[in-house]
């Protein structure tokens, strides 16, 4: 674990914001291709949510939303927690760090995951921002909203995720960015490492980052 970008001096972190899919839970690489197939989107360069928003009729938009909801329901039933998840949530709770979630998913899978995989007492999140909040990641707006609600400067917030959307959102908002590496996101460290402050292999490594920040 090491800092990559050197863009910002690490200040005392007060709040952490987590992506869910691929971050709090293990990656499900089949999910997004299945969503694209469900709504007839072949062009991988087009954002799924934007594609649905740009559909000409409400009937088409509702049908597409039903399609991705079916995929998300299957993904929810197959969720597995990331290694180090409970250890980190326990540490954050005991040490009074703010915890929030920022996801492009809907609230039902989030509530399911939090209640099933994080023990009671460690599973309280200050804010859960889903795709109902617009604009979504990769825009900074969801993180700026959380920062404002918490009255915490963005430089004292940490965005933890596994995707380009997470890193772009965190970087543009001014947060410390933490990339949870996996077997499908290696291109981020190869091509866009300027977006990443800390690459990690296990969520529990964040504990060391936080303890180091408190020594400064």
N, C-alpha and C. Protein backbone atom coordinates (compact mmCIF):
# COMPACT_ATOMS: atom_id res chain seq x y z
N UNK A 1 0.84 -1.19 0.00
CA UNK A 1 0.00 0.00 0.00
C UNK A 1 0.88 1.24 0.00
N UNK A 2 0.68 2.14 -0.94
CA UNK A 2 1.46 3.36 -0.99
C UNK A 2 0.66 4.44 -1.70
N UNK A 3 0.99 5.66 -1.38
CA UNK A 3 0.32 6.76 -2.05
C UNK A 3 0.93 6.95 -3.42
N UNK A 4 0.10 7.24 -4.41
CA UNK A 4 0.56 7.31 -5.79
C UNK A 4 0.68 8.73 -6.29
N UNK A 5 -0.39 9.50 -6.18
CA UNK A 5 -0.43 10.74 -6.94
C UNK A 5 0.41 11.86 -6.37
N UNK A 6 0.50 11.94 -5.03
CA UNK A 6 1.23 13.03 -4.43
C UNK A 6 0.57 14.38 -4.64
N UNK A 7 -0.71 14.40 -5.01
CA UNK A 7 -1.39 15.65 -5.35
C UNK A 7 -1.73 16.45 -4.09
N UNK A 8 -2.14 15.77 -3.03
CA UNK A 8 -2.58 16.49 -1.85
C UNK A 8 -1.85 15.98 -0.61
N UNK A 9 -1.66 16.87 0.35
CA UNK A 9 -1.14 16.46 1.64
C UNK A 9 -2.29 15.86 2.44
N UNK A 10 -2.08 14.71 3.00
CA UNK A 10 -3.13 14.02 3.73
C UNK A 10 -3.39 14.71 5.07
N UNK A 11 -4.60 15.23 5.22
CA UNK A 11 -5.01 15.85 6.47
C UNK A 11 -5.83 14.83 7.26
N UNK A 12 -6.13 15.17 8.50
CA UNK A 12 -6.94 14.27 9.32
C UNK A 12 -8.27 13.99 8.63
N UNK A 13 -8.52 12.73 8.41
CA UNK A 13 -9.75 12.33 7.75
C UNK A 13 -10.88 12.24 8.78
N UNK A 14 -12.03 12.81 8.46
CA UNK A 14 -13.17 12.78 9.35
C UNK A 14 -14.32 11.93 8.81
N UNK A 15 -14.38 11.77 7.49
CA UNK A 15 -15.51 11.08 6.88
C UNK A 15 -15.04 10.20 5.73
N UNK A 16 -15.63 9.04 5.62
CA UNK A 16 -15.35 8.13 4.52
C UNK A 16 -16.63 7.85 3.76
N UNK A 17 -16.52 7.86 2.45
CA UNK A 17 -17.66 7.57 1.57
C UNK A 17 -17.29 6.35 0.74
N UNK A 18 -18.17 5.36 0.73
CA UNK A 18 -17.89 4.10 0.05
C UNK A 18 -18.84 3.90 -1.13
N UNK A 19 -18.27 3.48 -2.24
CA UNK A 19 -19.07 2.86 -3.29
C UNK A 19 -19.54 1.51 -2.74
N UNK A 20 -20.57 0.93 -3.35
CA UNK A 20 -21.01 -0.37 -2.87
C UNK A 20 -20.56 -1.51 -3.76
N UNK A 21 -21.07 -1.58 -4.99
CA UNK A 21 -20.79 -2.72 -5.86
C UNK A 21 -19.31 -2.76 -6.24
N UNK A 22 -18.65 -3.84 -5.86
CA UNK A 22 -17.23 -3.99 -6.14
C UNK A 22 -16.34 -3.38 -5.08
N UNK A 23 -16.95 -2.69 -4.11
CA UNK A 23 -16.17 -2.04 -3.05
C UNK A 23 -16.54 -2.62 -1.69
N UNK A 24 -17.76 -2.40 -1.25
CA UNK A 24 -18.21 -3.06 -0.02
C UNK A 24 -18.48 -4.54 -0.27
N UNK A 25 -18.97 -4.84 -1.46
CA UNK A 25 -19.18 -6.25 -1.84
C UNK A 25 -18.22 -6.62 -2.96
N UNK A 26 -18.00 -7.90 -3.13
CA UNK A 26 -17.09 -8.38 -4.17
C UNK A 26 -17.61 -8.00 -5.55
N UNK A 27 -16.70 -7.81 -6.51
CA UNK A 27 -17.12 -7.46 -7.87
C UNK A 27 -17.99 -8.56 -8.48
N UNK A 28 -18.92 -8.13 -9.31
CA UNK A 28 -19.75 -9.04 -10.10
C UNK A 28 -19.63 -8.60 -11.56
N UNK A 29 -18.55 -8.99 -12.22
CA UNK A 29 -18.26 -8.45 -13.56
C UNK A 29 -19.34 -8.71 -14.60
N UNK A 30 -20.18 -9.69 -14.36
CA UNK A 30 -21.24 -10.02 -15.32
C UNK A 30 -22.38 -8.99 -15.31
N UNK A 31 -22.48 -8.20 -14.21
CA UNK A 31 -23.67 -7.39 -13.97
C UNK A 31 -23.87 -6.30 -15.02
N UNK A 32 -22.83 -5.52 -15.29
CA UNK A 32 -23.01 -4.41 -16.22
C UNK A 32 -23.23 -4.87 -17.67
N UNK A 33 -22.52 -5.90 -18.15
CA UNK A 33 -22.88 -6.43 -19.47
C UNK A 33 -24.32 -6.92 -19.53
N UNK A 34 -24.80 -7.52 -18.44
CA UNK A 34 -26.18 -7.99 -18.41
C UNK A 34 -27.16 -6.82 -18.46
N UNK A 35 -26.82 -5.73 -17.80
CA UNK A 35 -27.68 -4.54 -17.85
C UNK A 35 -27.74 -3.98 -19.27
N UNK A 36 -26.59 -3.90 -19.91
CA UNK A 36 -26.56 -3.37 -21.27
C UNK A 36 -27.37 -4.24 -22.22
N UNK A 37 -27.27 -5.54 -22.05
CA UNK A 37 -28.04 -6.45 -22.89
C UNK A 37 -29.53 -6.28 -22.63
N UNK A 38 -29.90 -6.07 -21.37
CA UNK A 38 -31.31 -5.94 -21.01
C UNK A 38 -31.96 -4.71 -21.62
N UNK A 39 -31.17 -3.67 -21.87
CA UNK A 39 -31.75 -2.44 -22.41
C UNK A 39 -31.35 -2.20 -23.87
N UNK A 40 -30.64 -3.17 -24.46
CA UNK A 40 -30.27 -3.05 -25.87
C UNK A 40 -29.19 -2.02 -26.13
N UNK A 41 -28.24 -1.89 -25.21
CA UNK A 41 -27.16 -0.92 -25.36
C UNK A 41 -25.87 -1.65 -25.71
N UNK A 42 -25.45 -1.54 -26.97
CA UNK A 42 -24.24 -2.23 -27.43
C UNK A 42 -22.99 -1.38 -27.30
N UNK A 43 -23.13 -0.07 -27.32
CA UNK A 43 -21.99 0.84 -27.29
C UNK A 43 -21.50 1.01 -25.84
N UNK A 44 -20.33 0.44 -25.54
CA UNK A 44 -19.81 0.48 -24.17
C UNK A 44 -19.37 1.87 -23.74
N UNK A 45 -19.24 2.79 -24.69
CA UNK A 45 -18.82 4.14 -24.34
C UNK A 45 -19.98 4.99 -23.80
N UNK A 46 -21.20 4.49 -23.94
CA UNK A 46 -22.38 5.24 -23.50
C UNK A 46 -22.77 4.79 -22.09
N UNK A 47 -22.96 5.75 -21.21
CA UNK A 47 -23.35 5.48 -19.83
C UNK A 47 -24.77 4.88 -19.81
N UNK A 48 -24.95 3.85 -18.99
CA UNK A 48 -26.23 3.15 -18.93
C UNK A 48 -27.37 4.08 -18.49
N UNK A 49 -27.14 4.83 -17.43
CA UNK A 49 -28.21 5.70 -16.92
C UNK A 49 -28.53 6.82 -17.89
N UNK A 50 -27.50 7.37 -18.55
CA UNK A 50 -27.74 8.43 -19.53
C UNK A 50 -28.52 7.88 -20.72
N UNK A 51 -28.18 6.66 -21.12
CA UNK A 51 -28.89 6.02 -22.24
C UNK A 51 -30.38 5.90 -21.93
N UNK A 52 -30.69 5.52 -20.70
CA UNK A 52 -32.10 5.40 -20.31
C UNK A 52 -32.76 6.77 -20.23
N UNK A 53 -32.06 7.73 -19.65
CA UNK A 53 -32.62 9.09 -19.52
C UNK A 53 -32.94 9.70 -20.89
N UNK A 54 -32.14 9.34 -21.90
CA UNK A 54 -32.29 9.93 -23.24
C UNK A 54 -33.31 9.20 -24.11
N UNK A 55 -33.91 8.13 -23.59
CA UNK A 55 -34.94 7.44 -24.36
C UNK A 55 -36.12 8.38 -24.60
N UNK A 56 -36.75 8.31 -25.78
CA UNK A 56 -37.74 9.32 -26.16
C UNK A 56 -39.07 9.25 -25.42
N UNK A 57 -39.44 8.08 -24.91
CA UNK A 57 -40.75 8.00 -24.26
C UNK A 57 -40.63 7.44 -22.85
N UNK A 58 -41.61 7.77 -22.02
CA UNK A 58 -41.62 7.26 -20.65
C UNK A 58 -41.82 5.75 -20.63
N UNK A 59 -42.59 5.23 -21.58
CA UNK A 59 -42.80 3.79 -21.66
C UNK A 59 -41.48 3.07 -21.88
N UNK A 60 -40.65 3.59 -22.79
CA UNK A 60 -39.35 2.98 -23.04
C UNK A 60 -38.45 3.08 -21.82
N UNK A 61 -38.47 4.23 -21.17
CA UNK A 61 -37.62 4.42 -19.99
C UNK A 61 -38.03 3.47 -18.86
N UNK A 62 -39.33 3.33 -18.65
CA UNK A 62 -39.80 2.44 -17.59
C UNK A 62 -39.47 0.97 -17.89
N UNK A 63 -39.57 0.59 -19.15
CA UNK A 63 -39.23 -0.79 -19.53
C UNK A 63 -37.75 -1.06 -19.30
N UNK A 64 -36.92 -0.08 -19.66
CA UNK A 64 -35.47 -0.23 -19.45
C UNK A 64 -35.14 -0.31 -17.96
N UNK A 65 -35.80 0.51 -17.16
CA UNK A 65 -35.56 0.48 -15.72
C UNK A 65 -35.96 -0.87 -15.12
N UNK A 66 -37.04 -1.44 -15.63
CA UNK A 66 -37.45 -2.77 -15.17
C UNK A 66 -36.39 -3.81 -15.51
N UNK A 67 -35.80 -3.64 -16.70
CA UNK A 67 -34.76 -4.57 -17.14
C UNK A 67 -33.54 -4.54 -16.23
N UNK A 68 -33.07 -3.34 -15.90
CA UNK A 68 -31.88 -3.29 -15.04
C UNK A 68 -32.22 -3.65 -13.59
N UNK A 69 -33.46 -3.41 -13.17
CA UNK A 69 -33.85 -3.81 -11.82
C UNK A 69 -33.81 -5.33 -11.68
N UNK A 70 -34.18 -6.05 -12.73
CA UNK A 70 -34.12 -7.51 -12.68
C UNK A 70 -32.68 -7.99 -12.54
N UNK A 71 -31.78 -7.34 -13.25
CA UNK A 71 -30.35 -7.69 -13.15
C UNK A 71 -29.85 -7.37 -11.74
N UNK A 72 -30.23 -6.21 -11.22
CA UNK A 72 -29.79 -5.81 -9.88
C UNK A 72 -30.34 -6.73 -8.80
N UNK A 73 -31.53 -7.25 -9.01
CA UNK A 73 -32.10 -8.17 -8.03
C UNK A 73 -31.30 -9.46 -7.99
N UNK A 74 -30.91 -9.97 -9.17
CA UNK A 74 -30.08 -11.17 -9.21
C UNK A 74 -28.74 -10.90 -8.55
N UNK A 75 -28.15 -9.75 -8.86
CA UNK A 75 -26.86 -9.39 -8.27
C UNK A 75 -26.97 -9.29 -6.75
N UNK A 76 -28.06 -8.72 -6.27
CA UNK A 76 -28.27 -8.59 -4.82
C UNK A 76 -28.26 -9.96 -4.15
N UNK A 77 -28.94 -10.91 -4.76
CA UNK A 77 -29.03 -12.25 -4.17
C UNK A 77 -27.71 -13.01 -4.20
N UNK A 78 -26.77 -12.53 -5.01
CA UNK A 78 -25.47 -13.19 -5.14
C UNK A 78 -24.34 -12.40 -4.47
N UNK A 79 -24.67 -11.37 -3.72
CA UNK A 79 -23.65 -10.53 -3.08
C UNK A 79 -22.80 -11.32 -2.08
N UNK A 80 -21.51 -10.95 -2.04
CA UNK A 80 -20.59 -11.44 -1.01
C UNK A 80 -19.78 -10.25 -0.52
N UNK A 81 -19.48 -10.23 0.76
CA UNK A 81 -18.76 -9.09 1.31
C UNK A 81 -17.27 -9.14 0.97
N UNK A 82 -16.67 -7.96 0.91
CA UNK A 82 -15.25 -7.85 0.68
C UNK A 82 -14.48 -8.30 1.93
N UNK A 83 -13.31 -8.93 1.74
CA UNK A 83 -12.44 -9.20 2.88
C UNK A 83 -12.07 -7.90 3.58
N UNK A 84 -12.06 -7.92 4.88
CA UNK A 84 -11.70 -6.75 5.67
C UNK A 84 -12.85 -5.81 5.95
N UNK A 85 -14.04 -6.09 5.41
CA UNK A 85 -15.18 -5.19 5.56
C UNK A 85 -15.56 -4.99 7.03
N UNK A 86 -15.81 -6.07 7.74
CA UNK A 86 -16.27 -5.95 9.12
C UNK A 86 -15.20 -5.34 10.01
N UNK A 87 -13.95 -5.73 9.79
CA UNK A 87 -12.85 -5.15 10.57
C UNK A 87 -12.80 -3.64 10.40
N UNK A 88 -12.96 -3.17 9.17
CA UNK A 88 -12.93 -1.73 8.91
C UNK A 88 -14.14 -1.03 9.51
N UNK A 89 -15.33 -1.59 9.32
CA UNK A 89 -16.54 -0.96 9.86
C UNK A 89 -16.48 -0.87 11.38
N UNK A 90 -15.93 -1.89 12.01
CA UNK A 90 -15.77 -1.86 13.47
C UNK A 90 -14.82 -0.73 13.88
N UNK A 91 -13.70 -0.62 13.19
CA UNK A 91 -12.72 0.42 13.50
C UNK A 91 -13.32 1.81 13.32
N UNK A 92 -14.01 2.03 12.22
CA UNK A 92 -14.59 3.34 11.95
C UNK A 92 -15.62 3.72 13.00
N UNK A 93 -16.42 2.75 13.41
CA UNK A 93 -17.46 3.02 14.40
C UNK A 93 -16.85 3.34 15.76
N UNK A 94 -15.91 2.53 16.19
CA UNK A 94 -15.30 2.72 17.50
C UNK A 94 -14.55 4.04 17.57
N UNK A 95 -13.99 4.47 16.43
CA UNK A 95 -13.19 5.69 16.42
C UNK A 95 -13.96 6.91 15.90
N UNK A 96 -15.26 6.78 15.80
CA UNK A 96 -16.16 7.92 15.50
C UNK A 96 -15.90 8.58 14.15
N UNK A 97 -15.57 7.80 13.14
CA UNK A 97 -15.51 8.33 11.77
C UNK A 97 -16.91 8.31 11.16
N UNK A 98 -17.20 9.33 10.39
CA UNK A 98 -18.45 9.33 9.65
C UNK A 98 -18.36 8.34 8.49
N UNK A 99 -19.43 7.57 8.28
CA UNK A 99 -19.50 6.60 7.19
C UNK A 99 -20.70 6.92 6.32
N UNK A 100 -20.49 6.97 5.01
CA UNK A 100 -21.58 7.16 4.07
C UNK A 100 -21.38 6.25 2.87
N UNK A 101 -22.42 6.10 2.08
CA UNK A 101 -22.36 5.29 0.86
C UNK A 101 -22.81 6.16 -0.31
N UNK A 102 -22.09 6.08 -1.41
CA UNK A 102 -22.46 6.76 -2.65
C UNK A 102 -22.42 5.73 -3.76
N UNK A 103 -23.58 5.40 -4.30
CA UNK A 103 -23.69 4.33 -5.28
C UNK A 103 -24.60 4.73 -6.43
N UNK A 104 -24.37 4.11 -7.57
CA UNK A 104 -25.27 4.28 -8.72
C UNK A 104 -26.34 3.19 -8.71
N UNK A 105 -26.39 2.42 -7.65
CA UNK A 105 -27.42 1.41 -7.48
C UNK A 105 -28.65 2.06 -6.83
N UNK A 106 -29.67 1.26 -6.56
CA UNK A 106 -30.87 1.74 -5.88
C UNK A 106 -30.80 1.34 -4.42
N UNK A 107 -31.73 1.81 -3.62
CA UNK A 107 -31.62 1.66 -2.17
C UNK A 107 -31.84 0.23 -1.68
N UNK A 108 -32.68 -0.55 -2.37
CA UNK A 108 -33.01 -1.90 -1.87
C UNK A 108 -31.78 -2.78 -1.72
N UNK A 109 -30.91 -2.91 -2.75
CA UNK A 109 -29.71 -3.73 -2.56
C UNK A 109 -28.78 -3.18 -1.48
N UNK A 110 -28.73 -1.85 -1.34
CA UNK A 110 -27.87 -1.26 -0.31
C UNK A 110 -28.36 -1.69 1.08
N UNK A 111 -29.63 -1.54 1.32
CA UNK A 111 -30.19 -1.92 2.63
C UNK A 111 -30.01 -3.42 2.89
N UNK A 112 -30.19 -4.22 1.85
CA UNK A 112 -30.01 -5.66 1.98
C UNK A 112 -28.57 -5.98 2.37
N UNK A 113 -27.63 -5.38 1.68
CA UNK A 113 -26.22 -5.67 1.95
C UNK A 113 -25.83 -5.23 3.36
N UNK A 114 -26.19 -4.01 3.71
CA UNK A 114 -25.80 -3.46 5.01
C UNK A 114 -26.36 -4.31 6.15
N UNK A 115 -27.62 -4.74 6.03
CA UNK A 115 -28.25 -5.50 7.11
C UNK A 115 -27.73 -6.94 7.17
N UNK A 116 -27.32 -7.49 6.03
CA UNK A 116 -26.89 -8.89 6.01
C UNK A 116 -25.42 -9.07 6.36
N UNK A 117 -24.57 -8.15 5.90
CA UNK A 117 -23.14 -8.40 5.99
C UNK A 117 -22.38 -7.55 7.01
N UNK A 118 -23.01 -6.51 7.54
CA UNK A 118 -22.32 -5.68 8.53
C UNK A 118 -23.06 -5.82 9.85
N UNK A 119 -22.37 -6.24 10.91
CA UNK A 119 -23.04 -6.48 12.19
C UNK A 119 -23.73 -5.23 12.72
N UNK A 120 -24.86 -5.47 13.41
CA UNK A 120 -25.57 -4.38 14.07
C UNK A 120 -24.63 -3.66 15.03
N UNK A 121 -24.68 -2.34 14.98
CA UNK A 121 -23.78 -1.53 15.79
C UNK A 121 -22.67 -0.94 14.97
N UNK A 122 -22.33 -1.61 13.87
CA UNK A 122 -21.30 -1.10 12.97
C UNK A 122 -21.88 -0.71 11.61
N UNK A 123 -23.18 -0.87 11.44
CA UNK A 123 -23.77 -0.72 10.11
C UNK A 123 -24.62 0.54 9.95
N UNK A 124 -24.34 1.55 10.76
CA UNK A 124 -25.06 2.81 10.62
C UNK A 124 -24.27 3.77 9.73
N UNK A 125 -24.90 4.26 8.67
CA UNK A 125 -24.27 5.19 7.73
C UNK A 125 -24.99 6.53 7.80
N UNK A 126 -24.21 7.61 7.83
CA UNK A 126 -24.81 8.94 7.95
C UNK A 126 -25.66 9.29 6.73
N UNK A 127 -25.14 9.00 5.54
CA UNK A 127 -25.88 9.29 4.31
C UNK A 127 -25.69 8.13 3.33
N UNK A 128 -26.78 7.78 2.67
CA UNK A 128 -26.73 6.81 1.57
C UNK A 128 -27.29 7.52 0.35
N UNK A 129 -26.42 7.79 -0.60
CA UNK A 129 -26.80 8.51 -1.82
C UNK A 129 -26.84 7.51 -2.97
N UNK A 130 -28.01 7.34 -3.56
CA UNK A 130 -28.19 6.39 -4.65
C UNK A 130 -28.30 7.13 -5.98
N UNK A 131 -28.66 6.40 -7.03
CA UNK A 131 -28.77 7.05 -8.34
C UNK A 131 -30.00 7.95 -8.46
N UNK A 132 -30.83 7.95 -7.44
CA UNK A 132 -31.93 8.92 -7.43
C UNK A 132 -31.40 10.35 -7.31
N UNK A 133 -30.19 10.49 -6.78
CA UNK A 133 -29.55 11.80 -6.71
C UNK A 133 -28.86 12.06 -8.05
N UNK A 134 -29.18 13.16 -8.67
CA UNK A 134 -28.57 13.50 -9.95
C UNK A 134 -27.88 14.85 -9.87
N UNK A 135 -26.74 15.00 -10.56
CA UNK A 135 -26.09 13.98 -11.36
C UNK A 135 -25.34 12.97 -10.49
N UNK A 136 -25.20 11.77 -10.99
CA UNK A 136 -24.53 10.70 -10.28
C UNK A 136 -23.01 10.79 -10.51
N UNK A 137 -22.27 9.89 -9.83
CA UNK A 137 -20.87 9.72 -10.20
C UNK A 137 -20.81 9.42 -11.70
N UNK A 138 -19.83 9.92 -12.43
CA UNK A 138 -18.53 10.46 -12.00
C UNK A 138 -18.53 11.95 -11.66
N UNK A 139 -19.68 12.61 -11.67
CA UNK A 139 -19.72 14.01 -11.27
C UNK A 139 -19.42 14.12 -9.77
N UNK A 140 -18.90 15.25 -9.33
CA UNK A 140 -18.56 15.41 -7.91
C UNK A 140 -19.76 15.69 -7.02
N UNK A 141 -20.90 15.99 -7.62
CA UNK A 141 -22.06 16.48 -6.88
C UNK A 141 -22.48 15.62 -5.68
N UNK A 142 -22.55 14.29 -5.82
CA UNK A 142 -22.97 13.51 -4.65
C UNK A 142 -22.03 13.67 -3.46
N UNK A 143 -20.74 13.74 -3.74
CA UNK A 143 -19.76 13.88 -2.66
C UNK A 143 -19.80 15.29 -2.06
N UNK A 144 -20.01 16.28 -2.90
CA UNK A 144 -20.14 17.65 -2.39
C UNK A 144 -21.38 17.77 -1.53
N UNK A 145 -22.44 17.09 -1.90
CA UNK A 145 -23.67 17.08 -1.10
C UNK A 145 -23.41 16.47 0.27
N UNK A 146 -22.74 15.33 0.30
CA UNK A 146 -22.43 14.67 1.57
C UNK A 146 -21.55 15.57 2.43
N UNK A 147 -20.55 16.18 1.81
CA UNK A 147 -19.65 17.08 2.52
C UNK A 147 -20.42 18.23 3.17
N UNK A 148 -21.34 18.80 2.43
CA UNK A 148 -22.13 19.91 2.95
C UNK A 148 -23.03 19.47 4.09
N UNK A 149 -23.67 18.32 3.95
CA UNK A 149 -24.57 17.84 4.99
C UNK A 149 -23.81 17.52 6.28
N UNK A 150 -22.59 17.01 6.13
CA UNK A 150 -21.79 16.66 7.30
C UNK A 150 -21.04 17.85 7.89
N UNK A 151 -20.99 18.93 7.11
CA UNK A 151 -20.18 20.10 7.49
C UNK A 151 -18.72 19.69 7.67
N UNK A 152 -18.23 18.90 6.72
CA UNK A 152 -16.85 18.44 6.71
C UNK A 152 -16.22 18.88 5.40
N UNK A 153 -15.03 19.46 5.46
CA UNK A 153 -14.35 19.87 4.25
C UNK A 153 -14.03 18.66 3.38
N UNK A 154 -14.16 18.81 2.07
CA UNK A 154 -13.94 17.67 1.17
C UNK A 154 -12.52 17.13 1.29
N UNK A 155 -11.56 17.98 1.65
CA UNK A 155 -10.17 17.50 1.79
C UNK A 155 -10.01 16.57 2.98
N UNK A 156 -11.01 16.51 3.85
CA UNK A 156 -11.00 15.61 5.00
C UNK A 156 -11.98 14.45 4.81
N UNK A 157 -12.37 14.26 3.55
CA UNK A 157 -13.21 13.13 3.18
C UNK A 157 -12.42 12.17 2.30
N UNK A 158 -12.73 10.91 2.43
CA UNK A 158 -12.08 9.87 1.64
C UNK A 158 -13.13 9.16 0.80
N UNK A 159 -12.90 9.11 -0.52
CA UNK A 159 -13.78 8.35 -1.41
C UNK A 159 -13.13 7.02 -1.70
N UNK A 160 -13.81 5.93 -1.32
CA UNK A 160 -13.29 4.58 -1.50
C UNK A 160 -14.12 3.88 -2.56
N UNK A 161 -13.48 3.44 -3.63
CA UNK A 161 -14.21 2.77 -4.70
C UNK A 161 -13.32 1.87 -5.53
N UNK A 162 -13.92 1.29 -6.55
CA UNK A 162 -13.18 0.35 -7.40
C UNK A 162 -13.25 0.72 -8.88
N UNK A 163 -13.87 1.85 -9.22
CA UNK A 163 -14.10 2.17 -10.63
C UNK A 163 -13.57 3.55 -11.00
N UNK A 164 -13.51 3.79 -12.30
CA UNK A 164 -13.14 5.11 -12.79
C UNK A 164 -14.14 6.15 -12.32
N UNK A 165 -15.42 5.81 -12.32
CA UNK A 165 -16.44 6.76 -11.85
C UNK A 165 -16.15 7.20 -10.42
N UNK A 166 -15.77 6.25 -9.56
CA UNK A 166 -15.47 6.57 -8.17
C UNK A 166 -14.28 7.50 -8.07
N UNK A 167 -13.22 7.18 -8.81
CA UNK A 167 -12.00 7.98 -8.73
C UNK A 167 -12.20 9.37 -9.33
N UNK A 168 -12.91 9.45 -10.43
CA UNK A 168 -13.17 10.75 -11.05
C UNK A 168 -14.04 11.62 -10.15
N UNK A 169 -15.05 11.02 -9.56
CA UNK A 169 -15.93 11.76 -8.66
C UNK A 169 -15.14 12.28 -7.46
N UNK A 170 -14.35 11.40 -6.86
CA UNK A 170 -13.57 11.79 -5.70
C UNK A 170 -12.54 12.85 -6.00
N UNK A 171 -11.83 12.68 -7.11
CA UNK A 171 -10.79 13.64 -7.46
C UNK A 171 -11.38 15.01 -7.78
N UNK A 172 -12.48 15.04 -8.56
CA UNK A 172 -13.06 16.33 -8.94
C UNK A 172 -13.71 17.03 -7.75
N UNK A 173 -14.15 16.25 -6.75
CA UNK A 173 -14.73 16.86 -5.55
C UNK A 173 -13.66 17.41 -4.63
N UNK A 174 -12.45 16.85 -4.71
CA UNK A 174 -11.37 17.28 -3.83
C UNK A 174 -11.11 16.34 -2.68
N UNK A 175 -11.65 15.13 -2.76
CA UNK A 175 -11.47 14.14 -1.69
C UNK A 175 -10.15 13.38 -1.86
N UNK A 176 -9.72 12.73 -0.79
CA UNK A 176 -8.69 11.72 -0.89
C UNK A 176 -9.32 10.51 -1.58
N UNK A 177 -8.64 9.94 -2.55
CA UNK A 177 -9.21 8.81 -3.29
C UNK A 177 -8.47 7.52 -2.96
N UNK A 178 -9.24 6.47 -2.73
CA UNK A 178 -8.70 5.15 -2.43
C UNK A 178 -9.29 4.16 -3.42
N UNK A 179 -8.42 3.50 -4.16
CA UNK A 179 -8.86 2.50 -5.15
C UNK A 179 -8.68 1.11 -4.58
N UNK A 180 -9.78 0.37 -4.46
CA UNK A 180 -9.70 -1.04 -4.08
C UNK A 180 -9.45 -1.84 -5.35
N UNK A 181 -8.25 -2.37 -5.47
CA UNK A 181 -7.85 -3.06 -6.70
C UNK A 181 -8.52 -4.43 -6.80
N UNK A 182 -8.79 -4.83 -8.03
CA UNK A 182 -9.30 -6.17 -8.29
C UNK A 182 -8.83 -6.64 -9.66
N UNK A 183 -9.31 -7.79 -10.10
CA UNK A 183 -8.78 -8.39 -11.33
C UNK A 183 -9.33 -7.73 -12.60
N UNK A 184 -10.24 -6.77 -12.45
CA UNK A 184 -10.80 -6.14 -13.65
C UNK A 184 -10.53 -4.64 -13.73
N UNK A 185 -9.91 -4.04 -12.71
CA UNK A 185 -9.71 -2.59 -12.76
C UNK A 185 -8.24 -2.17 -12.82
N UNK A 186 -7.36 -3.09 -13.22
CA UNK A 186 -5.94 -2.77 -13.29
C UNK A 186 -5.60 -1.63 -14.22
N UNK A 187 -6.47 -1.39 -15.21
CA UNK A 187 -6.21 -0.32 -16.17
C UNK A 187 -6.20 1.06 -15.51
N UNK A 188 -6.86 1.17 -14.37
CA UNK A 188 -6.90 2.48 -13.71
C UNK A 188 -5.51 2.86 -13.22
N UNK A 189 -4.81 1.92 -12.61
CA UNK A 189 -3.46 2.20 -12.14
C UNK A 189 -2.48 2.32 -13.28
N UNK A 190 -2.78 1.70 -14.41
CA UNK A 190 -1.90 1.78 -15.57
C UNK A 190 -2.08 3.09 -16.32
N UNK A 191 -3.33 3.48 -16.54
CA UNK A 191 -3.62 4.62 -17.41
C UNK A 191 -4.08 5.88 -16.69
N UNK A 192 -4.55 5.74 -15.45
CA UNK A 192 -5.13 6.91 -14.76
C UNK A 192 -4.70 6.97 -13.30
N UNK A 193 -3.46 6.64 -13.02
CA UNK A 193 -3.03 6.61 -11.62
C UNK A 193 -3.02 8.00 -10.99
N UNK A 194 -3.09 9.05 -11.82
CA UNK A 194 -3.17 10.40 -11.28
C UNK A 194 -4.48 10.64 -10.52
N UNK A 195 -5.46 9.77 -10.72
CA UNK A 195 -6.74 9.90 -10.02
C UNK A 195 -6.72 9.22 -8.66
N UNK A 196 -5.67 8.46 -8.38
CA UNK A 196 -5.65 7.60 -7.20
C UNK A 196 -4.60 8.08 -6.20
N UNK A 197 -5.05 8.34 -4.98
CA UNK A 197 -4.11 8.67 -3.90
C UNK A 197 -3.55 7.42 -3.24
N UNK A 198 -4.43 6.46 -2.98
CA UNK A 198 -3.99 5.23 -2.33
C UNK A 198 -4.61 4.01 -3.01
N UNK A 199 -3.81 3.13 -3.58
CA UNK A 199 -4.32 1.84 -4.05
C UNK A 199 -4.20 0.80 -2.93
N UNK A 200 -5.24 0.01 -2.73
CA UNK A 200 -5.22 -1.01 -1.69
C UNK A 200 -5.72 -2.34 -2.25
N UNK A 201 -5.38 -3.41 -1.54
CA UNK A 201 -5.84 -4.74 -1.92
C UNK A 201 -6.90 -5.29 -1.00
N UNK A 202 -7.05 -4.66 0.17
CA UNK A 202 -7.98 -5.14 1.18
C UNK A 202 -8.52 -3.93 1.94
N UNK A 203 -9.81 -3.93 2.23
CA UNK A 203 -10.42 -2.79 2.91
C UNK A 203 -9.76 -2.46 4.24
N UNK A 204 -9.24 -3.48 4.93
CA UNK A 204 -8.63 -3.24 6.23
C UNK A 204 -7.39 -2.36 6.15
N UNK A 205 -6.80 -2.23 4.96
CA UNK A 205 -5.63 -1.37 4.80
C UNK A 205 -5.96 0.10 5.05
N UNK A 206 -7.22 0.44 4.94
CA UNK A 206 -7.63 1.82 5.20
C UNK A 206 -7.36 2.20 6.65
N UNK A 207 -7.40 1.24 7.54
CA UNK A 207 -7.10 1.51 8.96
C UNK A 207 -5.71 2.11 9.10
N UNK A 208 -4.74 1.55 8.40
CA UNK A 208 -3.37 2.06 8.47
C UNK A 208 -3.27 3.47 7.90
N UNK A 209 -4.01 3.73 6.81
CA UNK A 209 -4.00 5.06 6.22
C UNK A 209 -4.54 6.08 7.22
N UNK A 210 -5.62 5.74 7.89
CA UNK A 210 -6.23 6.65 8.85
C UNK A 210 -5.31 6.88 10.05
N UNK A 211 -4.69 5.84 10.54
CA UNK A 211 -3.79 5.99 11.68
C UNK A 211 -2.58 6.84 11.31
N UNK A 212 -2.09 6.69 10.08
CA UNK A 212 -0.99 7.52 9.63
C UNK A 212 -1.40 8.98 9.53
N UNK A 213 -2.63 9.23 9.07
CA UNK A 213 -3.09 10.61 8.92
C UNK A 213 -3.21 11.30 10.27
N UNK A 214 -3.53 10.54 11.29
CA UNK A 214 -3.70 11.13 12.62
C UNK A 214 -2.36 11.45 13.29
N UNK A 215 -1.28 10.91 12.75
CA UNK A 215 0.04 11.18 13.30
C UNK A 215 0.62 12.47 12.77
N UNK A 216 0.02 13.00 11.69
CA UNK A 216 0.60 14.17 11.02
C UNK A 216 0.22 15.46 11.73
